[in-house]
C-alpha atoms as a PDB file:
ATOM      1  CA  MET A   1      15.812  58.087  -6.023  1.00  0.00           C
ATOM      2  CA  LYS A   2      18.126  55.381  -7.307  1.00  0.00           C
ATOM      3  CA  THR A   3      16.751  52.344  -8.742  1.00  0.00           C
ATOM      4  CA  ILE A   4      17.362  48.693  -6.035  1.00  0.00           C
ATOM      5  CA  ASP A   5      18.870  45.507  -7.744  1.00  0.00           C
ATOM      6  CA  PHE A   6      17.847  43.402  -5.229  1.00  0.00           C
ATOM      7  CA  SER A   7      18.310  40.463  -6.608  1.00  0.00           C
ATOM      8  CA  THR A   8      21.514  41.661  -6.439  1.00  0.00           C
ATOM      9  CA  ILE A   9      22.141  42.923  -3.152  1.00  0.00           C
ATOM     10  CA  LEU A  10      20.306  39.054  -2.213  1.00  0.00           C
ATOM     11  CA  ALA A  11      22.742  37.187  -3.999  1.00  0.00           C
ATOM     12  CA  SER A  12      25.393  39.552  -1.949  1.00  0.00           C
ATOM     13  CA  SER A  13      23.962  39.025   1.160  1.00  0.00           C
ATOM     14  CA  VAL A  14      23.248  34.781   0.560  1.00  0.00           C
ATOM     15  CA  HIS A  15      27.289  34.711  -0.031  1.00  0.00           C
ATOM     16  CA  ASP A  16      27.959  36.819   3.262  1.00  0.00           C
ATOM     17  CA  VAL A  17      25.747  34.526   5.459  1.00  0.00           C
ATOM     18  CA  LYS A  18      26.928  31.534   4.043  1.00  0.00           C
ATOM     19  CA  ASN A  19      30.680  32.520   4.817  1.00  0.00           C
ATOM     20  CA  SER A  20      29.832  33.053   8.458  1.00  0.00           C
ATOM     21  CA  LEU A  21      27.674  29.744   8.306  1.00  0.00           C
ATOM     22  CA  THR A  22      31.000  27.930   6.711  1.00  0.00           C
ATOM     23  CA  LEU A  23      32.770  29.855   9.354  1.00  0.00           C
ATOM     24  CA  LEU A  24      29.960  28.890  12.797  1.00  0.00           C
ATOM     25  CA  ILE A  25      30.264  25.273  10.716  1.00  0.00           C
ATOM     26  CA  ASN A  26      33.862  24.766  10.843  1.00  0.00           C
ATOM     27  CA  LYS A  27      34.147  25.856  15.162  1.00  0.00           C
ATOM     28  CA  ILE A  28      31.315  22.708  15.396  1.00  0.00           C
ATOM     29  CA  ASP A  29      33.327  20.001  13.213  1.00  0.00           C
ATOM     30  CA  GLU A  30      36.265  20.965  15.510  1.00  0.00           C
ATOM     31  CA  ILE A  31      34.153  21.138  19.129  1.00  0.00           C
ATOM     32  CA  SER A  32      32.919  17.305  17.880  1.00  0.00           C
ATOM     33  CA  ALA A  33      36.569  15.955  16.676  1.00  0.00           C
ATOM     34  CA  ILE A  34      37.676  16.461  20.439  1.00  0.00           C
ATOM     35  CA  THR A  35      33.766  15.119  22.092  1.00  0.00           C
ATOM     36  CA  ALA A  36      34.104  12.173  23.637  1.00  0.00           C
ATOM     37  CA  ASP A  37      30.268  11.865  24.966  1.00  0.00           C
ATOM     38  CA  LYS A  38      28.209   9.643  23.366  1.00  0.00           C
ATOM     39  CA  LYS A  39      25.223  11.994  24.013  1.00  0.00           C
ATOM     40  CA  ASN A  40      26.879  15.354  23.740  1.00  0.00           C
ATOM     41  CA  LYS A  41      28.621  13.772  20.104  1.00  0.00           C
ATOM     42  CA  SER A  42      25.247  12.945  18.480  1.00  0.00           C
ATOM     43  CA  GLU A  43      23.706  16.241  19.817  1.00  0.00           C
ATOM     44  CA  LEU A  44      27.014  18.204  17.862  1.00  0.00           C
ATOM     45  CA  GLU A  45      26.072  15.893  14.602  1.00  0.00           C
ATOM     46  CA  GLN A  46      22.832  17.084  14.718  1.00  0.00           C
ATOM     47  CA  LEU A  47      23.767  20.818  14.320  1.00  0.00           C
ATOM     48  CA  GLN A  48      27.031  20.409  11.754  1.00  0.00           C
ATOM     49  CA  TYR A  49      23.378  18.392   9.596  1.00  0.00           C
ATOM     50  CA  HIS A  50      20.980  21.571   9.654  1.00  0.00           C
ATOM     51  CA  GLY A  51      24.027  23.714   9.482  1.00  0.00           C
ATOM     52  CA  LYS A  52      25.561  21.897   6.692  1.00  0.00           C
ATOM     53  CA  ARG A  53      21.934  21.450   4.735  1.00  0.00           C
ATOM     54  CA  ILE A  54      20.964  25.511   5.423  1.00  0.00           C
ATOM     55  CA  SER A  55      24.801  25.692   3.996  1.00  0.00           C
ATOM     56  CA  SER A  56      23.721  23.943   1.114  1.00  0.00           C
ATOM     57  CA  HIS A  57      20.052  26.187   0.074  1.00  0.00           C
ATOM     58  CA  LEU A  58      21.778  29.156   0.175  1.00  0.00           C
ATOM     59  CA  ILE A  59      24.674  27.426  -2.437  1.00  0.00           C
ATOM     60  CA  GLN A  60      21.565  26.048  -4.324  1.00  0.00           C
ATOM     61  CA  LEU A  61      20.443  29.864  -4.453  1.00  0.00           C
ATOM     62  CA  LEU A  62      23.140  31.411  -4.959  1.00  0.00           C
ATOM     63  CA  VAL A  63      23.590  29.205  -8.161  1.00  0.00           C
ATOM     64  CA  LEU A  64      20.459  29.784  -9.309  1.00  0.00           C
ATOM     65  CA  TYR A  65      20.798  33.258  -9.602  1.00  0.00           C
ATOM     66  CA  ARG A  66      23.581  32.550 -11.386  1.00  0.00           C
ATOM     67  CA  ILE A  67      21.748  30.082 -14.129  1.00  0.00           C
ATOM     68  CA  GLU A  68      18.653  33.456 -14.215  1.00  0.00           C
ATOM     69  CA  GLN A  69      21.808  35.158 -15.080  1.00  0.00           C
ATOM     70  CA  ALA A  70      23.130  33.774 -17.718  1.00  0.00           C
ATOM     71  CA  HIS A  71      26.705  33.191 -15.441  1.00  0.00           C
ATOM     72  CA  TYR A  72      26.650  29.601 -14.912  1.00  0.00           C
ATOM     73  CA  PHE A  73      27.556  27.279 -17.839  1.00  0.00           C
ATOM     74  CA  ALA A  74      26.960  23.178 -16.651  1.00  0.00           C
ATOM     75  CA  ASN A  75      30.172  21.561 -16.609  1.00  0.00           C
ATOM     76  CA  ILE A  76      29.778  18.225 -17.514  1.00  0.00           C
ATOM     77  CA  THR A  77      32.374  15.445 -16.604  1.00  0.00           C
ATOM     78  CA  GLU A  78      32.692  12.160 -17.421  1.00  0.00           C
ATOM     79  CA  THR A  79      32.117  11.034 -13.907  1.00  0.00           C
ATOM     80  CA  GLY A  80      32.748   7.432 -11.952  1.00  0.00           C
ATOM     81  CA  ILE A  81      28.732   7.038 -10.448  1.00  0.00           C
ATOM     82  CA  LYS A  82      29.690   4.823  -7.855  1.00  0.00           C
ATOM     83  CA  ASP A  83      32.376   6.933  -6.048  1.00  0.00           C
ATOM     84  CA  PHE A  84      30.457  10.282  -6.533  1.00  0.00           C
ATOM     85  CA  LEU A  85      27.689   8.336  -5.111  1.00  0.00           C
ATOM     86  CA  ASN A  86      29.408   7.577  -1.930  1.00  0.00           C
ATOM     87  CA  GLU A  87      31.544  10.879  -2.027  1.00  0.00           C
ATOM     88  CA  SER A  88      28.446  13.413  -2.051  1.00  0.00           C
ATOM     89  CA  LEU A  89      26.242  10.809   0.521  1.00  0.00           C
ATOM     90  CA  GLU A  90      28.816  10.677   3.157  1.00  0.00           C
ATOM     91  CA  LEU A  91      27.241  12.608   5.036  1.00  0.00           C
ATOM     92  CA  TYR A  92      24.363  11.088   5.618  1.00  0.00           C
ATOM     93  CA  PHE A  93      25.273   6.955   6.497  1.00  0.00           C
ATOM     94  CA  PRO A  94      25.990   7.619  10.220  1.00  0.00           C
ATOM     95  CA  LEU A  95      22.396  10.199  10.997  1.00  0.00           C
ATOM     96  CA  PHE A  96      20.816   8.122   9.248  1.00  0.00           C
ATOM     97  CA  ALA A  97      21.888   5.103  11.223  1.00  0.00           C
ATOM     98  CA  GLN A  98      21.308   6.845  14.287  1.00  0.00           C
ATOM     99  CA  LYS A  99      17.700   7.607  12.933  1.00  0.00           C
ATOM    100  CA  ASN A 100      17.878   2.981  12.409  1.00  0.00           C
ATOM    101  CA  ILE A 101      17.219   4.530   8.084  1.00  0.00           C
ATOM    102  CA  SER A 102      19.358   1.933   5.955  1.00  0.00           C
ATOM    103  CA  ILE A 103      20.872   3.248   2.765  1.00  0.00           C
ATOM    104  CA  THR A 104      21.890   0.561   0.234  1.00  0.00           C
ATOM    105  CA  ILE A 105      23.213   1.329  -3.278  1.00  0.00           C
ATOM    106  CA  GLN A 106      23.298  -0.450  -6.227  1.00  0.00           C
ATOM    107  CA  CYS A 107      25.571   0.767  -9.074  1.00  0.00           C
ATOM    108  CA  ALA A 108      27.616  -0.994 -10.972  1.00  0.00           C
ATOM    109  CA  ASP A 109      31.474  -0.341 -10.655  1.00  0.00           C
ATOM    110  CA  GLU A 110      31.888   0.482 -13.715  1.00  0.00           C
ATOM    111  CA  LEU A 111      28.818   3.004 -14.544  1.00  0.00           C
ATOM    112  CA  TYR A 112      30.127   6.070 -15.970  1.00  0.00           C
ATOM    113  CA  TRP A 113      28.319   9.846 -17.256  1.00  0.00           C
ATOM    114  CA  TYR A 114      28.983  13.111 -17.756  1.00  0.00           C
ATOM    115  CA  ILE A 115      27.622  14.556 -15.165  1.00  0.00           C
ATOM    116  CA  ASP A 116      27.649  18.244 -13.499  1.00  0.00           C
ATOM    117  CA  ARG A 117      28.632  16.758 -10.097  1.00  0.00           C
ATOM    118  CA  GLU A 118      27.364  19.759  -8.473  1.00  0.00           C
ATOM    119  CA  LEU A 119      23.985  20.075 -10.016  1.00  0.00           C
ATOM    120  CA  ILE A 120      23.898  16.602  -9.108  1.00  0.00           C
ATOM    121  CA  ASN A 121      25.496  16.515  -6.230  1.00  0.00           C
ATOM    122  CA  GLY A 122      22.769  19.178  -5.233  1.00  0.00           C
ATOM    123  CA  ALA A 123      19.736  17.673  -5.551  1.00  0.00           C
ATOM    124  CA  ILE A 124      20.463  14.827  -4.212  1.00  0.00           C
ATOM    125  CA  THR A 125      20.975  17.220  -0.577  1.00  0.00           C
ATOM    126  CA  ASN A 126      17.724  18.216  -1.061  1.00  0.00           C
ATOM    127  CA  ILE A 127      16.464  14.215  -1.846  1.00  0.00           C
ATOM    128  CA  MET A 128      18.328  13.481   1.350  1.00  0.00           C
ATOM    129  CA  ASN A 129      17.541  16.078   3.521  1.00  0.00           C
ATOM    130  CA  ASN A 130      13.870  14.979   2.372  1.00  0.00           C
ATOM    131  CA  LEU A 131      14.055  11.969   2.994  1.00  0.00           C
ATOM    132  CA  TYR A 132      15.514  12.180   6.764  1.00  0.00           C
ATOM    133  CA  ALA A 133      12.157  13.620   8.206  1.00  0.00           C
ATOM    134  CA  HIS A 134      10.610  10.994   6.184  1.00  0.00           C
ATOM    135  CA  ALA A 135      11.640   7.844   5.199  1.00  0.00           C
ATOM    136  CA  GLN A 136      10.863   5.470   7.905  1.00  0.00           C
ATOM    137  CA  SER A 137      13.691   2.933   7.366  1.00  0.00           C
ATOM    138  CA  ALA A 138      14.865   1.914   4.751  1.00  0.00           C
ATOM    139  CA  ILE A 139      15.992   4.150   1.189  1.00  0.00           C
ATOM    140  CA  GLU A 140      17.138   2.240  -1.774  1.00  0.00           C
ATOM    141  CA  ILE A 141      19.594   3.758  -4.324  1.00  0.00           C
ATOM    142  CA  THR A 142      19.998   2.355  -8.024  1.00  0.00           C
ATOM    143  CA  ALA A 143      21.691   4.085 -10.437  1.00  0.00           C
ATOM    144  CA  TYR A 144      21.798   2.908 -14.304  1.00  0.00           C
ATOM    145  CA  THR A 145      21.444   3.153 -18.257  1.00  0.00           C
ATOM    146  CA  GLU A 146      17.686   2.972 -20.569  1.00  0.00           C
ATOM    147  CA  ASN A 147      17.905   3.624 -24.069  1.00  0.00           C
ATOM    148  CA  ASN A 148      20.973   6.024 -24.131  1.00  0.00           C
ATOM    149  CA  ARG A 149      20.235   7.858 -20.871  1.00  0.00           C
ATOM    150  CA  PHE A 150      21.564   7.672 -17.116  1.00  0.00           C
ATOM    151  CA  VAL A 151      19.130   7.321 -14.872  1.00  0.00           C
ATOM    152  CA  LEU A 152      19.232   7.622 -10.721  1.00  0.00           C
ATOM    153  CA  GLN A 153      16.863   6.580  -9.196  1.00  0.00           C
ATOM    154  CA  ILE A 154      15.984   6.812  -5.309  1.00  0.00           C
ATOM    155  CA  LYS A 155      13.189   5.369  -3.039  1.00  0.00           C
ATOM    156  CA  ASP A 156      11.819   5.140   0.476  1.00  0.00           C
ATOM    157  CA  ASP A 157       9.180   3.751   2.637  1.00  0.00           C
ATOM    158  CA  GLY A 158       8.254   6.967   4.145  1.00  0.00           C
ATOM    159  CA  ASN A 159       4.122   7.478   3.657  1.00  0.00           C
ATOM    160  CA  GLY A 160       4.936   9.096  -0.364  1.00  0.00           C
ATOM    161  CA  TYR A 161       3.805  12.309  -1.885  1.00  0.00           C
ATOM    162  CA  PRO A 162       1.227  13.668  -1.099  1.00  0.00           C
ATOM    163  CA  GLU A 163      -1.050  13.852  -4.118  1.00  0.00           C
ATOM    164  CA  GLU A 164      -2.333  17.363  -4.460  1.00  0.00           C
ATOM    165  CA  VAL A 165       2.214  17.641  -5.423  1.00  0.00           C
ATOM    166  CA  LEU A 166       2.226  13.964  -7.791  1.00  0.00           C
ATOM    167  CA  HIS A 167      -1.085  16.027  -9.266  1.00  0.00           C
ATOM    168  CA  SER A 168       0.228  19.528  -9.742  1.00  0.00           C
ATOM    169  CA  ARG A 169       3.660  18.276 -11.429  1.00  0.00           C
ATOM    170  CA  THR A 170       2.044  15.696 -13.891  1.00  0.00           C
ATOM    171  CA  SER A 171      -0.805  19.233 -14.473  1.00  0.00           C
ATOM    172  CA  GLY A 172       1.303  21.385 -15.020  1.00  0.00           C
ATOM    173  CA  GLN A 173      -0.003  23.460 -12.524  1.00  0.00           C
ATOM    174  CA  GLN A 174       2.280  25.812  -9.985  1.00  0.00           C
ATOM    175  CA  LYS A 175       2.831  24.290  -6.468  1.00  0.00           C
ATOM    176  CA  ASN A 176       1.269  26.117  -3.637  1.00  0.00           C
ATOM    177  CA  PHE A 177       4.261  26.883  -1.244  1.00  0.00           C
ATOM    178  CA  SER A 178       4.213  26.173   1.820  1.00  0.00           C
ATOM    179  CA  PHE A 179       6.394  28.342   4.897  1.00  0.00           C
ATOM    180  CA  THR A 180       4.158  27.202   7.657  1.00  0.00           C
ATOM    181  CA  SER A 181       5.097  24.024   6.749  1.00  0.00           C
ATOM    182  CA  SER A 182       8.391  25.082   5.478  1.00  0.00           C
ATOM    183  CA  ASN A 183       7.762  23.138   2.350  1.00  0.00           C
ATOM    184  CA  THR A 184       8.751  25.974  -0.095  1.00  0.00           C
ATOM    185  CA  GLY A 185       9.675  23.779  -2.634  1.00  0.00           C
ATOM    186  CA  LEU A 186      12.991  25.371  -3.208  1.00  0.00           C
ATOM    187  CA  GLY A 187      14.354  21.310  -3.131  1.00  0.00           C
ATOM    188  CA  LEU A 188      12.717  20.135  -5.921  1.00  0.00           C
ATOM    189  CA  TYR A 189      13.225  23.949  -8.333  1.00  0.00           C
ATOM    190  CA  PHE A 190      16.706  23.209  -7.643  1.00  0.00           C
ATOM    191  CA  SER A 191      16.367  20.067  -9.349  1.00  0.00           C
ATOM    192  CA  GLU A 192      14.530  19.987 -12.440  1.00  0.00           C
ATOM    193  CA  ILE A 193      16.727  22.743 -13.434  1.00  0.00           C
ATOM    194  CA  ALA A 194      19.504  20.250 -12.384  1.00  0.00           C
ATOM    195  CA  ALA A 195      18.411  18.005 -14.138  1.00  0.00           C
ATOM    196  CA  GLU A 196      17.307  20.005 -17.470  1.00  0.00           C
ATOM    197  CA  MET A 197      20.736  22.356 -17.246  1.00  0.00           C
ATOM    198  CA  HIS A 198      22.416  18.590 -18.873  1.00  0.00           C
ATOM    199  CA  GLN A 199      21.417  18.594 -21.916  1.00  0.00           C
ATOM    200  CA  ASN A 200      22.522  16.569 -25.203  1.00  0.00           C
ATOM    201  CA  ASN A 201      21.042  16.078 -28.976  1.00  0.00           C
ATOM    202  CA  GLY A 202      18.185  18.475 -28.641  1.00  0.00           C
ATOM    203  CA  LYS A 203      17.465  16.042 -25.693  1.00  0.00           C
ATOM    204  CA  SER A 204      17.076  17.377 -21.524  1.00  0.00           C
ATOM    205  CA  GLY A 205      17.534  16.037 -18.399  1.00  0.00           C
ATOM    206  CA  ALA A 206      14.394  15.328 -16.047  1.00  0.00           C
ATOM    207  CA  ILE A 207      12.913  15.183 -11.969  1.00  0.00           C
ATOM    208  CA  THR A 208       9.713  12.253 -11.710  1.00  0.00           C
ATOM    209  CA  ILE A 209       7.945  11.666  -9.476  1.00  0.00           C
ATOM    210  CA  SER A 210       5.394   8.709  -7.876  1.00  0.00           C
ATOM    211  CA  ASN A 211       4.877   6.776  -4.873  1.00  0.00           C
ATOM    212  CA  ASP A 212       6.225   3.566  -6.468  1.00  0.00           C
ATOM    213  CA  GLY A 213       8.860   3.762  -3.849  1.00  0.00           C
ATOM    214  CA  ILE A 214       9.217   0.929  -1.018  1.00  0.00           C
ATOM    215  CA  ASN A 215       5.816  -0.102   0.558  1.00  0.00           C
ATOM    216  CA  GLY A 216       3.874   2.526  -1.666  1.00  0.00           C
ATOM    217  CA  GLY A 217       6.571   5.351  -0.020  1.00  0.00           C
ATOM    218  CA  GLY A 218       8.099   8.077  -2.055  1.00  0.00           C
ATOM    219  CA  CYS A 219      10.505   7.936  -5.705  1.00  0.00           C
ATOM    220  CA  ILE A 220      12.512  10.584  -7.445  1.00  0.00           C
ATOM    221  CA  SER A 221      13.759   9.855 -10.804  1.00  0.00           C
ATOM    222  CA  ILE A 222      16.392  12.086 -12.154  1.00  0.00           C
ATOM    223  CA  ASP A 223      16.687  11.108 -15.430  1.00  0.00           C
ATOM    224  CA  LEU A 224      19.938  12.354 -18.213  1.00  0.00           C
ATOM    225  CA  PRO A 225      20.444  12.273 -21.632  1.00  0.00           C
END
Protein backbone atom coordinates (compact mmCIF):
# COMPACT_ATOMS: atom_id res chain seq x y z
CA MET A 1 0.00 0.00 0.00
CA LYS A 2 1.30 3.43 -0.94
CA THR A 3 2.38 5.58 1.99
CA ILE A 4 0.19 8.65 2.45
CA ASP A 5 2.14 11.92 2.79
CA PHE A 6 -0.42 13.46 5.13
CA SER A 7 1.51 16.69 5.75
CA THR A 8 1.63 17.46 2.01
CA ILE A 9 -2.07 16.62 1.60
CA LEU A 10 -2.92 18.87 4.54
CA ALA A 11 -0.86 21.73 3.14
CA SER A 12 -2.57 21.41 -0.25
CA SER A 13 -6.00 21.30 1.39
CA VAL A 14 -5.25 24.38 3.47
CA HIS A 15 -4.18 26.20 0.30
CA ASP A 16 -7.44 25.27 -1.48
CA VAL A 17 -9.57 26.32 1.51
CA LYS A 18 -7.72 29.62 1.70
CA ASN A 19 -8.44 30.34 -1.97
CA SER A 20 -12.16 29.69 -1.48
CA LEU A 21 -12.19 31.81 1.67
CA THR A 22 -10.54 34.68 -0.21
CA LEU A 23 -13.38 34.62 -2.76
CA LEU A 24 -15.91 34.69 0.08
CA ILE A 25 -14.19 37.63 1.79
CA ASN A 26 -14.03 39.58 -1.48
CA LYS A 27 -17.78 39.06 -1.99
CA ILE A 28 -18.47 40.32 1.55
CA ASP A 29 -16.29 43.36 0.78
CA GLU A 30 -18.38 44.07 -2.33
CA ILE A 31 -21.67 43.82 -0.42
CA SER A 32 -20.33 45.97 2.43
CA ALA A 33 -19.27 48.68 -0.03
CA ILE A 34 -22.85 49.15 -1.28
CA THR A 35 -24.59 48.73 2.10
CA ALA A 36 -25.86 51.93 3.70
CA ASP A 37 -27.60 50.57 6.82
CA LYS A 38 -25.21 51.00 9.77
CA LYS A 39 -26.34 47.85 11.59
CA ASN A 40 -25.95 45.67 8.51
CA LYS A 41 -22.61 47.29 7.69
CA SER A 42 -21.38 46.58 11.23
CA GLU A 43 -22.41 42.93 10.96
CA LEU A 44 -20.69 42.63 7.58
CA GLU A 45 -17.52 44.09 9.11
CA GLN A 46 -17.70 41.38 11.77
CA LEU A 47 -17.92 38.75 9.03
CA GLN A 48 -14.97 40.38 7.26
CA TYR A 49 -12.94 40.30 10.46
CA HIS A 50 -13.61 36.63 11.20
CA GLY A 51 -13.07 35.64 7.58
CA LYS A 52 -9.72 37.41 7.46
CA ARG A 53 -8.84 35.94 10.85
CA ILE A 54 -9.41 32.42 9.50
CA SER A 55 -7.46 33.27 6.34
CA SER A 56 -4.58 34.55 8.46
CA HIS A 57 -4.45 31.30 10.44
CA LEU A 58 -4.42 29.28 7.23
CA ILE A 59 -1.53 31.35 5.88
CA GLN A 60 0.38 30.82 9.12
CA LEU A 61 -0.17 27.06 8.89
CA LEU A 62 1.27 27.12 5.38
CA VAL A 63 4.25 29.20 6.49
CA LEU A 64 4.95 26.85 9.42
CA TYR A 65 4.76 23.89 7.04
CA ARG A 66 7.21 25.54 4.65
CA ILE A 67 9.57 26.37 7.54
CA GLU A 68 9.40 22.75 8.76
CA GLN A 69 10.18 21.56 5.23
CA ALA A 70 13.07 24.08 4.99
CA HIS A 71 11.29 25.78 2.09
CA TYR A 72 10.85 29.17 3.77
CA PHE A 73 13.66 31.66 4.18
CA ALA A 74 13.17 34.91 6.06
CA ASN A 75 12.99 37.92 3.74
CA ILE A 76 14.67 40.51 5.94
CA THR A 77 14.42 44.07 4.56
CA GLU A 78 14.88 47.54 6.01
CA THR A 79 11.43 48.75 7.00
CA GLY A 80 9.93 52.02 8.21
CA ILE A 81 8.31 50.75 11.39
CA LYS A 82 5.65 53.44 11.89
CA ASP A 83 4.22 53.03 8.37
CA PHE A 84 4.44 49.26 8.73
CA LEU A 85 2.46 49.31 11.98
CA ASN A 86 -0.24 51.56 10.52
CA GLU A 87 -0.58 49.21 7.53
CA SER A 88 -0.70 46.10 9.74
CA LEU A 89 -3.34 47.62 12.02
CA GLU A 90 -5.50 49.21 9.31
CA LEU A 91 -8.17 46.49 9.59
CA TYR A 92 -8.30 46.73 13.37
CA PHE A 93 -8.79 50.48 13.95
CA PRO A 94 -12.51 50.51 12.95
CA LEU A 95 -13.23 47.11 14.53
CA PHE A 96 -11.83 48.10 17.90
CA ALA A 97 -13.49 51.53 17.68
CA GLN A 98 -16.86 49.74 17.45
CA LYS A 99 -16.09 48.18 20.85
CA ASN A 100 -14.88 51.53 22.25
CA ILE A 101 -11.33 50.19 22.55
CA SER A 102 -8.65 52.78 21.79
CA ILE A 103 -5.41 51.87 20.01
CA THR A 104 -2.43 54.19 20.50
CA ILE A 105 0.92 53.84 18.75
CA GLN A 106 4.16 55.31 20.07
CA CYS A 107 6.86 55.06 17.43
CA ALA A 108 9.39 57.57 16.15
CA ASP A 109 8.92 58.55 12.50
CA GLU A 110 12.59 57.87 11.82
CA LEU A 111 12.61 54.35 13.32
CA TYR A 112 13.76 51.78 10.76
CA TRP A 113 14.71 48.12 11.35
CA TYR A 114 15.44 45.00 9.35
CA ILE A 115 12.45 42.64 9.57
CA ASP A 116 10.53 40.06 7.59
CA ARG A 117 7.34 42.05 7.04
CA GLU A 118 5.13 39.00 6.43
CA LEU A 119 6.28 37.14 9.55
CA ILE A 120 5.98 40.12 11.88
CA ASN A 121 2.65 41.11 10.35
CA GLY A 122 1.46 37.56 11.08
CA ALA A 123 2.59 37.89 14.70
CA ILE A 124 0.81 41.24 15.07
CA THR A 125 -2.34 39.76 13.53
CA ASN A 126 -2.31 36.95 16.11
CA ILE A 127 -1.91 39.40 18.97
CA MET A 128 -4.67 41.72 17.78
CA ASN A 129 -7.08 38.83 17.17
CA ASN A 130 -6.50 37.77 20.77
CA LEU A 131 -6.94 41.30 22.10
CA TYR A 132 -10.21 41.69 20.21
CA ALA A 133 -11.66 39.18 22.66
CA HIS A 134 -9.80 40.24 25.81
CA ALA A 135 -8.97 43.97 25.82
CA GLN A 136 -11.50 46.11 27.66
CA SER A 137 -10.92 49.73 26.64
CA ALA A 138 -7.31 50.40 25.66
CA ILE A 139 -4.32 48.99 23.76
CA GLU A 140 -0.91 50.65 23.78
CA ILE A 141 1.66 49.77 21.10
CA THR A 142 5.24 50.95 21.54
CA ALA A 143 8.18 50.42 19.19
CA TYR A 144 11.75 51.38 20.08
CA THR A 145 15.38 50.23 20.01
CA GLU A 146 17.39 49.22 23.05
CA ASN A 147 20.87 47.71 23.30
CA ASN A 148 21.06 47.36 19.50
CA ARG A 149 17.81 45.38 19.40
CA PHE A 150 14.34 46.29 18.16
CA VAL A 151 11.44 45.94 20.60
CA LEU A 152 7.74 45.96 19.72
CA GLN A 153 5.62 45.96 22.87
CA ILE A 154 1.84 45.62 22.96
CA LYS A 155 -0.06 46.21 26.20
CA ASP A 156 -3.77 45.92 26.98
CA ASP A 157 -6.13 46.48 29.92
CA GLY A 158 -7.71 43.02 29.93
CA ASN A 159 -7.46 40.39 32.65
CA GLY A 160 -3.92 39.38 31.72
CA TYR A 161 -2.47 35.97 30.93
CA PRO A 162 -3.58 33.02 33.11
CA GLU A 163 -0.99 31.96 35.65
CA GLU A 164 -0.57 28.54 34.05
CA VAL A 165 0.37 30.16 30.73
CA LEU A 166 2.99 32.37 32.36
CA HIS A 167 4.32 29.44 34.38
CA SER A 168 4.56 27.09 31.40
CA ARG A 169 6.67 29.63 29.50
CA THR A 170 9.08 30.43 32.33
CA SER A 171 9.54 26.76 33.24
CA GLY A 172 9.85 25.54 29.64
CA GLN A 173 6.86 23.27 30.29
CA GLN A 174 4.77 22.13 27.33
CA LYS A 175 1.62 24.24 27.06
CA ASN A 176 -1.62 22.26 27.22
CA PHE A 177 -3.94 22.85 24.28
CA SER A 178 -7.64 23.41 24.88
CA PHE A 179 -9.88 22.75 21.89
CA THR A 180 -13.02 23.35 23.98
CA SER A 181 -11.93 26.95 24.54
CA SER A 182 -10.45 27.22 21.01
CA ASN A 183 -7.13 28.03 22.66
CA THR A 184 -4.73 25.83 20.70
CA GLY A 185 -1.73 28.10 21.26
CA LEU A 186 -1.08 28.24 17.49
CA GLY A 187 -0.94 32.04 17.44
CA LEU A 188 1.70 32.30 20.14
CA TYR A 189 3.65 29.41 18.62
CA PHE A 190 3.68 31.10 15.21
CA SER A 191 4.77 34.40 16.79
CA GLU A 192 7.66 32.65 18.54
CA ILE A 193 8.81 31.03 15.29
CA ALA A 194 8.44 34.36 13.46
CA ALA A 195 10.69 36.06 16.01
CA GLU A 196 13.26 33.25 16.01
CA MET A 197 13.55 33.45 12.20
CA HIS A 198 15.15 36.88 12.71
CA GLN A 199 18.85 36.23 13.33
CA ASN A 200 21.87 38.50 13.33
CA ASN A 201 25.44 37.93 14.54
CA GLY A 202 24.48 34.66 16.23
CA LYS A 203 21.51 36.20 18.05
CA SER A 204 17.85 35.33 17.50
CA GLY A 205 14.58 37.12 18.09
CA ALA A 206 12.31 36.18 20.98
CA ILE A 207 8.82 36.65 22.42
CA THR A 208 8.13 37.45 26.06
CA ILE A 209 4.75 37.71 27.80
CA SER A 210 3.80 39.10 31.20
CA ASN A 211 0.99 40.83 33.07
CA ASP A 212 2.78 44.18 33.10
CA GLY A 213 0.20 45.71 30.81
CA ILE A 214 -2.32 48.46 31.56
CA ASN A 215 -3.66 48.03 35.11
CA GLY A 216 -2.33 44.47 35.27
CA GLY A 217 -3.38 43.53 31.76
CA GLY A 218 -1.35 41.49 29.32
CA CYS A 219 1.93 42.60 27.78
CA ILE A 220 3.66 40.85 24.88
CA SER A 221 7.04 41.92 23.52
CA ILE A 222 8.67 41.00 20.23
CA ASP A 223 12.43 41.44 20.60
CA LEU A 224 14.54 41.28 17.42
CA PRO A 225 18.32 41.50 16.88
